[in-house]
Amino acid sequence: MSWARDEWKLDLPNTALRKISELENDVENLRKSKQQQQLQLETVSNSLQKQKQLNAEEKAGNSSLRREIQELTRKCSDLENQEEKSQIDLKAKDNKIGLLEEQLHKAREKLKDEEDKNSEMLNQVDQQKLIAEVMENEMGQLAVEVERINETKAQTVKDLEDNDMILSLGLLSDNSDIIT
């Protein structure tokens, strides 16, 4: 077939054949160039499709990242609010602790004062007990002394009564002598 295609060129002059050969070479080069460009176009088209797919995936990923960033931003805001509230609570508790420590300090001072008063009163009670013991001993001694005095008095009274009796007997006997 290629032979039939070239048959029409047989009677042509050399310059025309050269020109035809050049044109055929140009056509062949253009056909190869077209095929190469078509192949490049398909490659670029495939790359473009892949890039579009990657872009779509990136957009989806970016959208997911945006949602995640928004969620993290919201959580950070919540945490900041919680921290602020915790700081306020902590300050309030610190103030309360300060007041309680002050009350505790005052209560300890009052307790110490009361303990000092109690100690002083116990000392006074001990002194009063000692005084009471001394007085009891003195009263015991006085009671013994009173009893001894009473015994002495009783003895003296008895002795006096005996003497009076003797005297009255003696007087009676003297008087009886006189009467007789």
N, C-alpha and C. Protein backbone atom coordinates (compact mmCIF):
# COMPACT_ATOMS: atom_id res chain seq x y z
N MET A 1 0.80 -1.17 0.00
CA MET A 1 0.00 0.00 0.00
C MET A 1 0.85 1.25 0.00
N SER A 2 1.84 1.16 0.70
CA SER A 2 2.77 2.26 0.73
C SER A 2 3.33 2.48 -0.68
N TRP A 3 3.44 1.39 -1.45
CA TRP A 3 3.93 1.49 -2.81
C TRP A 3 2.91 2.22 -3.68
N ALA A 4 1.63 1.96 -3.51
CA ALA A 4 0.58 2.61 -4.29
C ALA A 4 0.51 4.08 -3.91
N ARG A 5 0.81 4.35 -2.71
CA ARG A 5 0.76 5.72 -2.26
C ARG A 5 1.89 6.52 -2.91
N ASP A 6 3.00 5.91 -3.12
CA ASP A 6 4.14 6.61 -3.68
C ASP A 6 4.14 6.60 -5.22
N GLU A 7 3.25 5.92 -5.87
CA GLU A 7 3.20 5.78 -7.32
C GLU A 7 2.97 7.10 -8.04
N TRP A 8 2.20 7.93 -7.57
CA TRP A 8 1.87 9.21 -8.21
C TRP A 8 3.07 10.12 -8.30
N LYS A 9 4.14 9.83 -7.51
CA LYS A 9 5.30 10.69 -7.50
C LYS A 9 6.31 10.31 -8.60
N LEU A 10 6.10 9.26 -9.28
CA LEU A 10 7.10 8.73 -10.20
C LEU A 10 7.47 9.72 -11.31
N ASP A 11 6.59 10.41 -11.85
CA ASP A 11 6.88 11.28 -12.99
C ASP A 11 7.17 12.72 -12.57
N LEU A 12 7.35 12.99 -11.33
CA LEU A 12 7.55 14.36 -10.87
C LEU A 12 9.05 14.72 -10.94
N PRO A 13 9.33 16.02 -11.13
CA PRO A 13 10.74 16.43 -11.18
C PRO A 13 11.38 16.31 -9.78
N ASN A 14 12.65 16.32 -9.77
CA ASN A 14 13.43 16.13 -8.53
C ASN A 14 13.15 17.24 -7.52
N THR A 15 13.04 18.43 -7.97
CA THR A 15 12.78 19.52 -7.03
C THR A 15 11.42 19.33 -6.39
N ALA A 16 10.46 18.87 -7.18
CA ALA A 16 9.12 18.63 -6.64
C ALA A 16 9.18 17.46 -5.66
N LEU A 17 9.97 16.44 -6.02
CA LEU A 17 10.09 15.27 -5.13
C LEU A 17 10.77 15.69 -3.82
N ARG A 18 11.78 16.52 -3.97
CA ARG A 18 12.45 17.00 -2.75
C ARG A 18 11.47 17.79 -1.89
N LYS A 19 10.70 18.63 -2.56
CA LYS A 19 9.74 19.45 -1.86
C LYS A 19 8.68 18.56 -1.21
N ILE A 20 8.20 17.56 -1.90
CA ILE A 20 7.21 16.62 -1.37
C ILE A 20 7.81 15.86 -0.20
N SER A 21 9.07 15.42 -0.37
CA SER A 21 9.74 14.69 0.71
C SER A 21 9.88 15.58 1.94
N GLU A 22 10.22 16.83 1.73
CA GLU A 22 10.31 17.77 2.85
C GLU A 22 8.95 17.95 3.51
N LEU A 23 7.92 18.10 2.65
CA LEU A 23 6.58 18.28 3.20
C LEU A 23 6.12 17.02 3.94
N GLU A 24 6.43 15.85 3.38
CA GLU A 24 6.06 14.60 4.07
C GLU A 24 6.80 14.50 5.41
N ASN A 25 8.10 14.89 5.42
CA ASN A 25 8.88 14.89 6.68
C ASN A 25 8.26 15.88 7.67
N ASP A 26 7.87 17.05 7.12
CA ASP A 26 7.22 18.04 7.99
C ASP A 26 5.92 17.48 8.55
N VAL A 27 5.14 16.80 7.67
CA VAL A 27 3.87 16.21 8.12
C VAL A 27 4.14 15.15 9.19
N GLU A 28 5.15 14.31 8.95
CA GLU A 28 5.50 13.26 9.93
C GLU A 28 5.95 13.89 11.24
N ASN A 29 6.79 14.93 11.15
CA ASN A 29 7.25 15.63 12.36
C ASN A 29 6.07 16.27 13.09
N LEU A 30 5.17 16.88 12.32
CA LEU A 30 3.99 17.49 12.93
C LEU A 30 3.10 16.43 13.59
N ARG A 31 2.97 15.27 12.92
CA ARG A 31 2.17 14.18 13.49
C ARG A 31 2.80 13.69 14.78
N LYS A 32 4.14 13.52 14.78
CA LYS A 32 4.83 13.08 16.00
C LYS A 32 4.72 14.15 17.08
N SER A 33 4.87 15.40 16.66
CA SER A 33 4.76 16.51 17.60
C SER A 33 3.35 16.56 18.19
N LYS A 34 2.35 16.30 17.29
CA LYS A 34 0.97 16.29 17.75
C LYS A 34 0.75 15.16 18.76
N GLN A 35 1.30 13.97 18.44
CA GLN A 35 1.15 12.84 19.36
C GLN A 35 1.82 13.15 20.71
N GLN A 36 3.03 13.74 20.59
CA GLN A 36 3.76 14.08 21.81
C GLN A 36 2.99 15.13 22.63
N GLN A 37 2.46 16.13 21.93
CA GLN A 37 1.68 17.15 22.62
C GLN A 37 0.39 16.57 23.21
N GLN A 38 -0.21 15.62 22.42
CA GLN A 38 -1.42 14.96 22.92
C GLN A 38 -1.10 14.17 24.19
N LEU A 39 0.05 13.49 24.17
CA LEU A 39 0.49 12.73 25.34
C LEU A 39 0.76 13.68 26.51
N GLN A 40 1.44 14.80 26.21
CA GLN A 40 1.70 15.80 27.25
C GLN A 40 0.39 16.37 27.79
N LEU A 41 -0.56 16.62 26.87
CA LEU A 41 -1.86 17.15 27.27
C LEU A 41 -2.58 16.16 28.18
N GLU A 42 -2.53 14.87 27.82
CA GLU A 42 -3.16 13.85 28.67
C GLU A 42 -2.48 13.79 30.05
N THR A 43 -1.13 13.88 30.03
CA THR A 43 -0.38 13.86 31.29
C THR A 43 -0.74 15.07 32.14
N VAL A 44 -0.76 16.24 31.50
CA VAL A 44 -1.11 17.46 32.22
C VAL A 44 -2.56 17.38 32.71
N SER A 45 -3.45 16.83 31.86
CA SER A 45 -4.85 16.69 32.25
C SER A 45 -4.98 15.75 33.45
N ASN A 46 -4.24 14.63 33.41
CA ASN A 46 -4.24 13.69 34.55
C ASN A 46 -3.70 14.38 35.81
N SER A 47 -2.60 15.12 35.62
CA SER A 47 -2.02 15.86 36.75
C SER A 47 -3.02 16.87 37.30
N LEU A 48 -3.71 17.55 36.37
CA LEU A 48 -4.71 18.53 36.78
C LEU A 48 -5.82 17.86 37.58
N GLN A 49 -6.29 16.71 37.09
CA GLN A 49 -7.34 15.97 37.80
C GLN A 49 -6.85 15.54 39.19
N LYS A 50 -5.61 15.03 39.23
CA LYS A 50 -5.05 14.64 40.52
C LYS A 50 -4.93 15.84 41.45
N GLN A 51 -4.49 16.97 40.88
CA GLN A 51 -4.33 18.19 41.68
C GLN A 51 -5.70 18.67 42.17
N LYS A 52 -6.72 18.59 41.27
CA LYS A 52 -8.07 18.97 41.69
C LYS A 52 -8.56 18.08 42.83
N GLN A 53 -8.27 16.76 42.68
CA GLN A 53 -8.67 15.82 43.73
C GLN A 53 -7.93 16.15 45.04
N LEU A 54 -6.61 16.42 44.92
CA LEU A 54 -5.84 16.80 46.11
C LEU A 54 -6.38 18.09 46.73
N ASN A 55 -6.71 19.05 45.86
CA ASN A 55 -7.27 20.32 46.36
C ASN A 55 -8.59 20.08 47.08
N ALA A 56 -9.43 19.21 46.50
CA ALA A 56 -10.71 18.90 47.14
C ALA A 56 -10.46 18.23 48.50
N GLU A 57 -9.50 17.29 48.53
CA GLU A 57 -9.17 16.62 49.79
C GLU A 57 -8.61 17.63 50.80
N GLU A 58 -7.75 18.54 50.31
CA GLU A 58 -7.20 19.56 51.20
C GLU A 58 -8.29 20.49 51.73
N LYS A 59 -9.25 20.84 50.83
CA LYS A 59 -10.36 21.68 51.28
C LYS A 59 -11.15 20.96 52.37
N ALA A 60 -11.40 19.67 52.13
CA ALA A 60 -12.13 18.89 53.14
C ALA A 60 -11.31 18.83 54.43
N GLY A 61 -9.99 18.59 54.28
CA GLY A 61 -9.11 18.57 55.45
C GLY A 61 -9.07 19.92 56.13
N ASN A 62 -8.99 20.99 55.32
CA ASN A 62 -8.98 22.35 55.88
C ASN A 62 -10.29 22.64 56.61
N SER A 63 -11.38 22.19 56.01
CA SER A 63 -12.68 22.39 56.66
C SER A 63 -12.71 21.65 58.00
N SER A 64 -12.19 20.43 57.99
CA SER A 64 -12.12 19.65 59.24
C SER A 64 -11.20 20.34 60.24
N LEU A 65 -10.06 20.86 59.74
CA LEU A 65 -9.14 21.58 60.63
C LEU A 65 -9.78 22.85 61.18
N ARG A 66 -10.54 23.56 60.32
CA ARG A 66 -11.22 24.77 60.78
C ARG A 66 -12.20 24.44 61.91
N ARG A 67 -12.97 23.35 61.70
CA ARG A 67 -13.90 22.93 62.75
C ARG A 67 -13.14 22.57 64.02
N GLU A 68 -12.03 21.85 63.85
CA GLU A 68 -11.22 21.46 65.01
C GLU A 68 -10.64 22.70 65.70
N ILE A 69 -10.17 23.67 64.91
CA ILE A 69 -9.63 24.91 65.48
C ILE A 69 -10.73 25.66 66.22
N GLN A 70 -11.93 25.72 65.62
CA GLN A 70 -13.05 26.39 66.30
C GLN A 70 -13.37 25.69 67.62
N GLU A 71 -13.39 24.35 67.58
CA GLU A 71 -13.67 23.58 68.80
C GLU A 71 -12.59 23.83 69.85
N LEU A 72 -11.33 23.82 69.41
CA LEU A 72 -10.22 24.07 70.35
C LEU A 72 -10.28 25.50 70.89
N THR A 73 -10.64 26.44 70.02
CA THR A 73 -10.77 27.84 70.46
C THR A 73 -11.87 27.96 71.52
N ARG A 74 -12.99 27.27 71.27
CA ARG A 74 -14.10 27.28 72.24
C ARG A 74 -13.65 26.65 73.55
N LYS A 75 -12.94 25.51 73.46
CA LYS A 75 -12.46 24.84 74.67
C LYS A 75 -11.47 25.74 75.42
N CYS A 76 -10.58 26.41 74.68
CA CYS A 76 -9.63 27.33 75.32
C CYS A 76 -10.38 28.45 76.03
N SER A 77 -11.40 28.98 75.36
CA SER A 77 -12.20 30.04 75.97
C SER A 77 -12.88 29.53 77.24
N ASP A 78 -13.43 28.31 77.16
CA ASP A 78 -14.07 27.71 78.35
C ASP A 78 -13.05 27.53 79.47
N LEU A 79 -11.86 27.05 79.10
CA LEU A 79 -10.81 26.84 80.11
C LEU A 79 -10.37 28.17 80.72
N GLU A 80 -10.27 29.20 79.89
CA GLU A 80 -9.91 30.52 80.41
C GLU A 80 -10.97 31.02 81.38
N ASN A 81 -12.25 30.81 81.01
CA ASN A 81 -13.34 31.21 81.91
C ASN A 81 -13.28 30.42 83.21
N GLN A 82 -13.01 29.11 83.09
CA GLN A 82 -12.90 28.28 84.29
C GLN A 82 -11.72 28.74 85.15
N GLU A 83 -10.60 29.06 84.49
CA GLU A 83 -9.43 29.51 85.23
C GLU A 83 -9.74 30.83 85.96
N GLU A 84 -10.43 31.73 85.25
CA GLU A 84 -10.79 33.01 85.85
C GLU A 84 -11.69 32.78 87.07
N LYS A 85 -12.67 31.89 86.90
CA LYS A 85 -13.58 31.58 88.01
C LYS A 85 -12.80 30.93 89.15
N SER A 86 -11.88 30.03 88.79
CA SER A 86 -11.07 29.37 89.82
C SER A 86 -10.21 30.38 90.56
N GLN A 87 -9.67 31.37 89.84
CA GLN A 87 -8.87 32.41 90.48
C GLN A 87 -9.72 33.21 91.46
N ILE A 88 -10.94 33.53 91.04
CA ILE A 88 -11.86 34.28 91.92
C ILE A 88 -12.18 33.44 93.15
N ASP A 89 -12.50 32.14 92.91
CA ASP A 89 -12.80 31.24 94.04
C ASP A 89 -11.59 31.12 94.97
N LEU A 90 -10.41 31.01 94.36
CA LEU A 90 -9.18 30.87 95.16
C LEU A 90 -8.95 32.12 96.01
N LYS A 91 -9.16 33.29 95.42
CA LYS A 91 -9.00 34.53 96.19
C LYS A 91 -10.00 34.58 97.34
N ALA A 92 -11.25 34.18 97.05
CA ALA A 92 -12.28 34.18 98.10
C ALA A 92 -11.89 33.21 99.21
N LYS A 93 -11.40 32.04 98.82
CA LYS A 93 -10.99 31.06 99.83
C LYS A 93 -9.77 31.54 100.60
N ASP A 94 -8.84 32.19 99.90
CA ASP A 94 -7.67 32.76 100.59
C ASP A 94 -8.12 33.80 101.62
N ASN A 95 -9.07 34.65 101.22
CA ASN A 95 -9.60 35.65 102.15
C ASN A 95 -10.26 34.98 103.35
N LYS A 96 -11.04 33.94 103.06
CA LYS A 96 -11.72 33.21 104.14
C LYS A 96 -10.70 32.55 105.06
N ILE A 97 -9.65 31.98 104.45
CA ILE A 97 -8.59 31.35 105.26
C ILE A 97 -7.92 32.41 106.14
N GLY A 98 -7.68 33.60 105.55
CA GLY A 98 -7.08 34.69 106.33
C GLY A 98 -7.96 35.06 107.51
N LEU A 99 -9.26 35.17 107.27
CA LEU A 99 -10.19 35.51 108.36
C LEU A 99 -10.20 34.40 109.42
N LEU A 100 -10.23 33.15 108.94
CA LEU A 100 -10.24 32.03 109.89
C LEU A 100 -8.95 31.96 110.69
N GLU A 101 -7.82 32.25 110.01
CA GLU A 101 -6.54 32.26 110.74
C GLU A 101 -6.53 33.37 111.79
N GLU A 102 -7.10 34.52 111.42
CA GLU A 102 -7.18 35.64 112.38
C GLU A 102 -8.07 35.25 113.56
N GLN A 103 -9.21 34.61 113.27
CA GLN A 103 -10.10 34.16 114.34
C GLN A 103 -9.40 33.12 115.21
N LEU A 104 -8.66 32.22 114.56
CA LEU A 104 -7.93 31.19 115.30
C LEU A 104 -6.89 31.83 116.21
N HIS A 105 -6.18 32.83 115.67
CA HIS A 105 -5.17 33.53 116.47
C HIS A 105 -5.83 34.19 117.69
N LYS A 106 -6.96 34.88 117.46
CA LYS A 106 -7.67 35.53 118.56
C LYS A 106 -8.17 34.49 119.57
N ALA A 107 -8.68 33.37 119.03
CA ALA A 107 -9.18 32.31 119.93
C ALA A 107 -8.03 31.73 120.75
N ARG A 108 -6.86 31.56 120.13
CA ARG A 108 -5.70 31.05 120.87
C ARG A 108 -5.28 32.03 121.95
N GLU A 109 -5.29 33.33 121.60
CA GLU A 109 -4.94 34.35 122.60
C GLU A 109 -5.93 34.31 123.76
N LYS A 110 -7.23 34.22 123.41
CA LYS A 110 -8.26 34.17 124.45
C LYS A 110 -8.10 32.90 125.29
N LEU A 111 -7.81 31.78 124.61
CA LEU A 111 -7.59 30.52 125.33
C LEU A 111 -6.40 30.65 126.27
N LYS A 112 -5.33 31.28 125.78
CA LYS A 112 -4.15 31.46 126.63
C LYS A 112 -4.50 32.33 127.84
N ASP A 113 -5.26 33.42 127.57
CA ASP A 113 -5.69 34.28 128.68
C ASP A 113 -6.53 33.49 129.68
N GLU A 114 -7.45 32.69 129.15
CA GLU A 114 -8.31 31.88 130.02
C GLU A 114 -7.49 30.84 130.78
N GLU A 115 -6.50 30.25 130.09
CA GLU A 115 -5.63 29.28 130.77
C GLU A 115 -4.83 29.97 131.88
N ASP A 116 -4.35 31.19 131.57
CA ASP A 116 -3.62 31.95 132.60
C ASP A 116 -4.53 32.25 133.79
N LYS A 117 -5.77 32.69 133.49
CA LYS A 117 -6.72 32.96 134.58
C LYS A 117 -7.01 31.69 135.36
N ASN A 118 -7.20 30.59 134.62
CA ASN A 118 -7.48 29.30 135.26
C ASN A 118 -6.31 28.89 136.14
N SER A 119 -5.11 29.05 135.61
CA SER A 119 -3.91 28.71 136.38
C SER A 119 -3.83 29.57 137.65
N GLU A 120 -4.12 30.87 137.48
CA GLU A 120 -4.09 31.78 138.62
C GLU A 120 -5.15 31.37 139.66
N MET A 121 -6.34 31.02 139.15
CA MET A 121 -7.40 30.59 140.07
C MET A 121 -7.03 29.29 140.76
N LEU A 122 -6.41 28.36 140.00
CA LEU A 122 -5.98 27.10 140.62
C LEU A 122 -4.94 27.37 141.70
N ASN A 123 -4.04 28.31 141.41
CA ASN A 123 -3.04 28.69 142.42
C ASN A 123 -3.73 29.27 143.66
N GLN A 124 -4.74 30.13 143.42
CA GLN A 124 -5.48 30.70 144.54
C GLN A 124 -6.21 29.62 145.32
N VAL A 125 -6.80 28.64 144.56
CA VAL A 125 -7.49 27.53 145.22
C VAL A 125 -6.49 26.74 146.06
N ASP A 126 -5.31 26.47 145.46
CA ASP A 126 -4.28 25.74 146.21
C ASP A 126 -3.88 26.52 147.46
N GLN A 127 -3.72 27.85 147.32
CA GLN A 127 -3.37 28.67 148.48
C GLN A 127 -4.47 28.62 149.53
N GLN A 128 -5.73 28.70 149.06
CA GLN A 128 -6.86 28.63 149.98
C GLN A 128 -6.91 27.27 150.68
N LYS A 129 -6.58 26.21 149.91
CA LYS A 129 -6.55 24.87 150.51
C LYS A 129 -5.48 24.82 151.59
N LEU A 130 -4.30 25.38 151.26
CA LEU A 130 -3.22 25.39 152.25
C LEU A 130 -3.65 26.19 153.48
N ILE A 131 -4.26 27.36 153.23
CA ILE A 131 -4.73 28.18 154.35
C ILE A 131 -5.77 27.40 155.15
N ALA A 132 -6.69 26.70 154.43
CA ALA A 132 -7.73 25.92 155.11
C ALA A 132 -7.09 24.80 155.92
N GLU A 133 -6.06 24.15 155.35
CA GLU A 133 -5.38 23.08 156.08
C GLU A 133 -4.70 23.65 157.33
N VAL A 134 -4.03 24.80 157.15
CA VAL A 134 -3.36 25.42 158.29
C VAL A 134 -4.41 25.78 159.35
N MET A 135 -5.53 26.35 158.90
CA MET A 135 -6.58 26.73 159.84
C MET A 135 -7.18 25.50 160.51
N GLU A 136 -7.34 24.42 159.71
CA GLU A 136 -7.85 23.18 160.29
C GLU A 136 -6.91 22.68 161.37
N ASN A 137 -5.60 22.71 161.03
CA ASN A 137 -4.60 22.28 162.02
C ASN A 137 -4.67 23.17 163.26
N GLU A 138 -4.75 24.49 163.01
CA GLU A 138 -4.85 25.43 164.13
C GLU A 138 -6.12 25.18 164.93
N MET A 139 -7.24 24.94 164.18
CA MET A 139 -8.50 24.67 164.87
C MET A 139 -8.41 23.37 165.66
N GLY A 140 -7.74 22.39 165.04
CA GLY A 140 -7.54 21.13 165.76
C GLY A 140 -6.74 21.36 167.02
N GLN A 141 -5.67 22.16 166.88
CA GLN A 141 -4.85 22.46 168.05
C GLN A 141 -5.66 23.27 169.06
N LEU A 142 -6.45 24.24 168.55
CA LEU A 142 -7.29 25.04 169.44
C LEU A 142 -8.33 24.16 170.13
N ALA A 143 -8.89 23.21 169.36
CA ALA A 143 -9.88 22.31 169.95
C ALA A 143 -9.25 21.50 171.06
N VAL A 144 -8.01 21.02 170.77
CA VAL A 144 -7.29 20.26 171.79
C VAL A 144 -7.02 21.17 172.99
N GLU A 145 -6.61 22.40 172.69
CA GLU A 145 -6.32 23.38 173.76
C GLU A 145 -7.59 23.68 174.54
N VAL A 146 -8.73 23.88 173.80
CA VAL A 146 -10.00 24.16 174.47
C VAL A 146 -10.39 22.98 175.34
N GLU A 147 -10.22 21.78 174.81
CA GLU A 147 -10.56 20.59 175.59
C GLU A 147 -9.68 20.50 176.83
N ARG A 148 -8.39 20.78 176.65
CA ARG A 148 -7.47 20.76 177.79
C ARG A 148 -7.87 21.82 178.81
N ILE A 149 -8.22 23.02 178.24
CA ILE A 149 -8.64 24.10 179.13
C ILE A 149 -9.93 23.71 179.84
N ASN A 150 -10.86 23.13 179.09
CA ASN A 150 -12.12 22.69 179.70
C ASN A 150 -11.86 21.64 180.77
N GLU A 151 -10.95 20.73 180.46
CA GLU A 151 -10.61 19.70 181.46
C GLU A 151 -9.98 20.36 182.68
N THR A 152 -9.07 21.32 182.38
CA THR A 152 -8.43 22.03 183.49
C THR A 152 -9.48 22.80 184.28
N LYS A 153 -10.39 23.45 183.55
CA LYS A 153 -11.45 24.20 184.19
C LYS A 153 -12.31 23.27 185.03
N ALA A 154 -12.67 22.15 184.42
CA ALA A 154 -13.51 21.20 185.14
C ALA A 154 -12.78 20.73 186.40
N GLN A 155 -11.50 20.46 186.22
CA GLN A 155 -10.70 20.01 187.36
C GLN A 155 -10.62 21.13 188.40
N THR A 156 -10.43 22.35 187.91
CA THR A 156 -10.33 23.49 188.81
C THR A 156 -11.65 23.68 189.53
N VAL A 157 -12.75 23.60 188.77
CA VAL A 157 -14.07 23.75 189.36
C VAL A 157 -14.27 22.65 190.39
N LYS A 158 -13.89 21.45 190.04
CA LYS A 158 -14.04 20.33 190.97
C LYS A 158 -13.18 20.57 192.20
N ASP A 159 -11.94 21.01 191.92
CA ASP A 159 -11.04 21.28 193.05
C ASP A 159 -11.64 22.39 193.92
N LEU A 160 -12.17 23.41 193.27
CA LEU A 160 -12.77 24.50 194.02
C LEU A 160 -13.99 24.01 194.78
N GLU A 161 -14.77 23.21 194.15
CA GLU A 161 -15.94 22.68 194.82
C GLU A 161 -15.50 21.82 196.00
N ASP A 162 -14.45 21.03 195.77
CA ASP A 162 -13.94 20.20 196.86
C ASP A 162 -13.43 21.10 197.98
N ASN A 163 -12.72 22.13 197.60
CA ASN A 163 -12.19 23.07 198.60
C ASN A 163 -13.35 23.75 199.30
N ASP A 164 -14.34 24.14 198.55
CA ASP A 164 -15.50 24.78 199.16
C ASP A 164 -16.17 23.81 200.11
N MET A 165 -16.24 22.61 199.70
CA MET A 165 -16.85 21.63 200.54
C MET A 165 -16.01 21.40 201.79
N ILE A 166 -14.76 21.34 201.60
CA ILE A 166 -13.86 21.14 202.74
C ILE A 166 -14.00 22.37 203.64
N LEU A 167 -13.99 23.49 203.01
CA LEU A 167 -14.11 24.70 203.80
C LEU A 167 -15.48 24.73 204.48
N SER A 168 -16.48 24.41 203.73
CA SER A 168 -17.78 24.44 204.36
C SER A 168 -17.87 23.35 205.40
N LEU A 169 -17.26 22.25 205.21
CA LEU A 169 -17.23 21.22 206.23
C LEU A 169 -16.38 21.71 207.40
N GLY A 170 -15.29 22.31 207.02
CA GLY A 170 -14.41 22.84 208.06
C GLY A 170 -15.12 23.94 208.80
N LEU A 171 -15.86 24.73 208.19
CA LEU A 171 -16.59 25.78 208.83
C LEU A 171 -17.73 25.18 209.64
N LEU A 172 -18.30 24.21 209.08
CA LEU A 172 -19.36 23.55 209.79
C LEU A 172 -18.80 22.89 211.05
N SER A 173 -17.68 22.30 210.86
CA SER A 173 -17.10 21.67 212.04
C SER A 173 -16.65 22.74 213.01
N ASP A 174 -16.16 23.83 212.56
CA ASP A 174 -15.81 24.92 213.45
C ASP A 174 -17.09 25.48 214.06
N ASN A 175 -18.07 25.59 213.31
CA ASN A 175 -19.33 26.10 213.80
C ASN A 175 -19.95 25.06 214.76
N SER A 176 -19.79 23.84 214.46
CA SER A 176 -20.34 22.84 215.35
C SER A 176 -19.58 22.86 216.66
N ASP A 177 -18.32 23.15 216.57
CA ASP A 177 -17.56 23.28 217.80
C ASP A 177 -18.10 24.49 218.56
N ILE A 178 -18.41 25.48 217.86
CA ILE A 178 -18.90 26.68 218.50
C ILE A 178 -20.29 26.37 219.07
N ILE A 179 -21.09 25.72 218.35
CA ILE A 179 -22.44 25.43 218.79
C ILE A 179 -22.35 24.43 219.96
N THR A 180 -21.53 23.55 219.88
CA THR A 180 -21.43 22.57 220.94
C THR A 180 -20.62 23.12 222.02
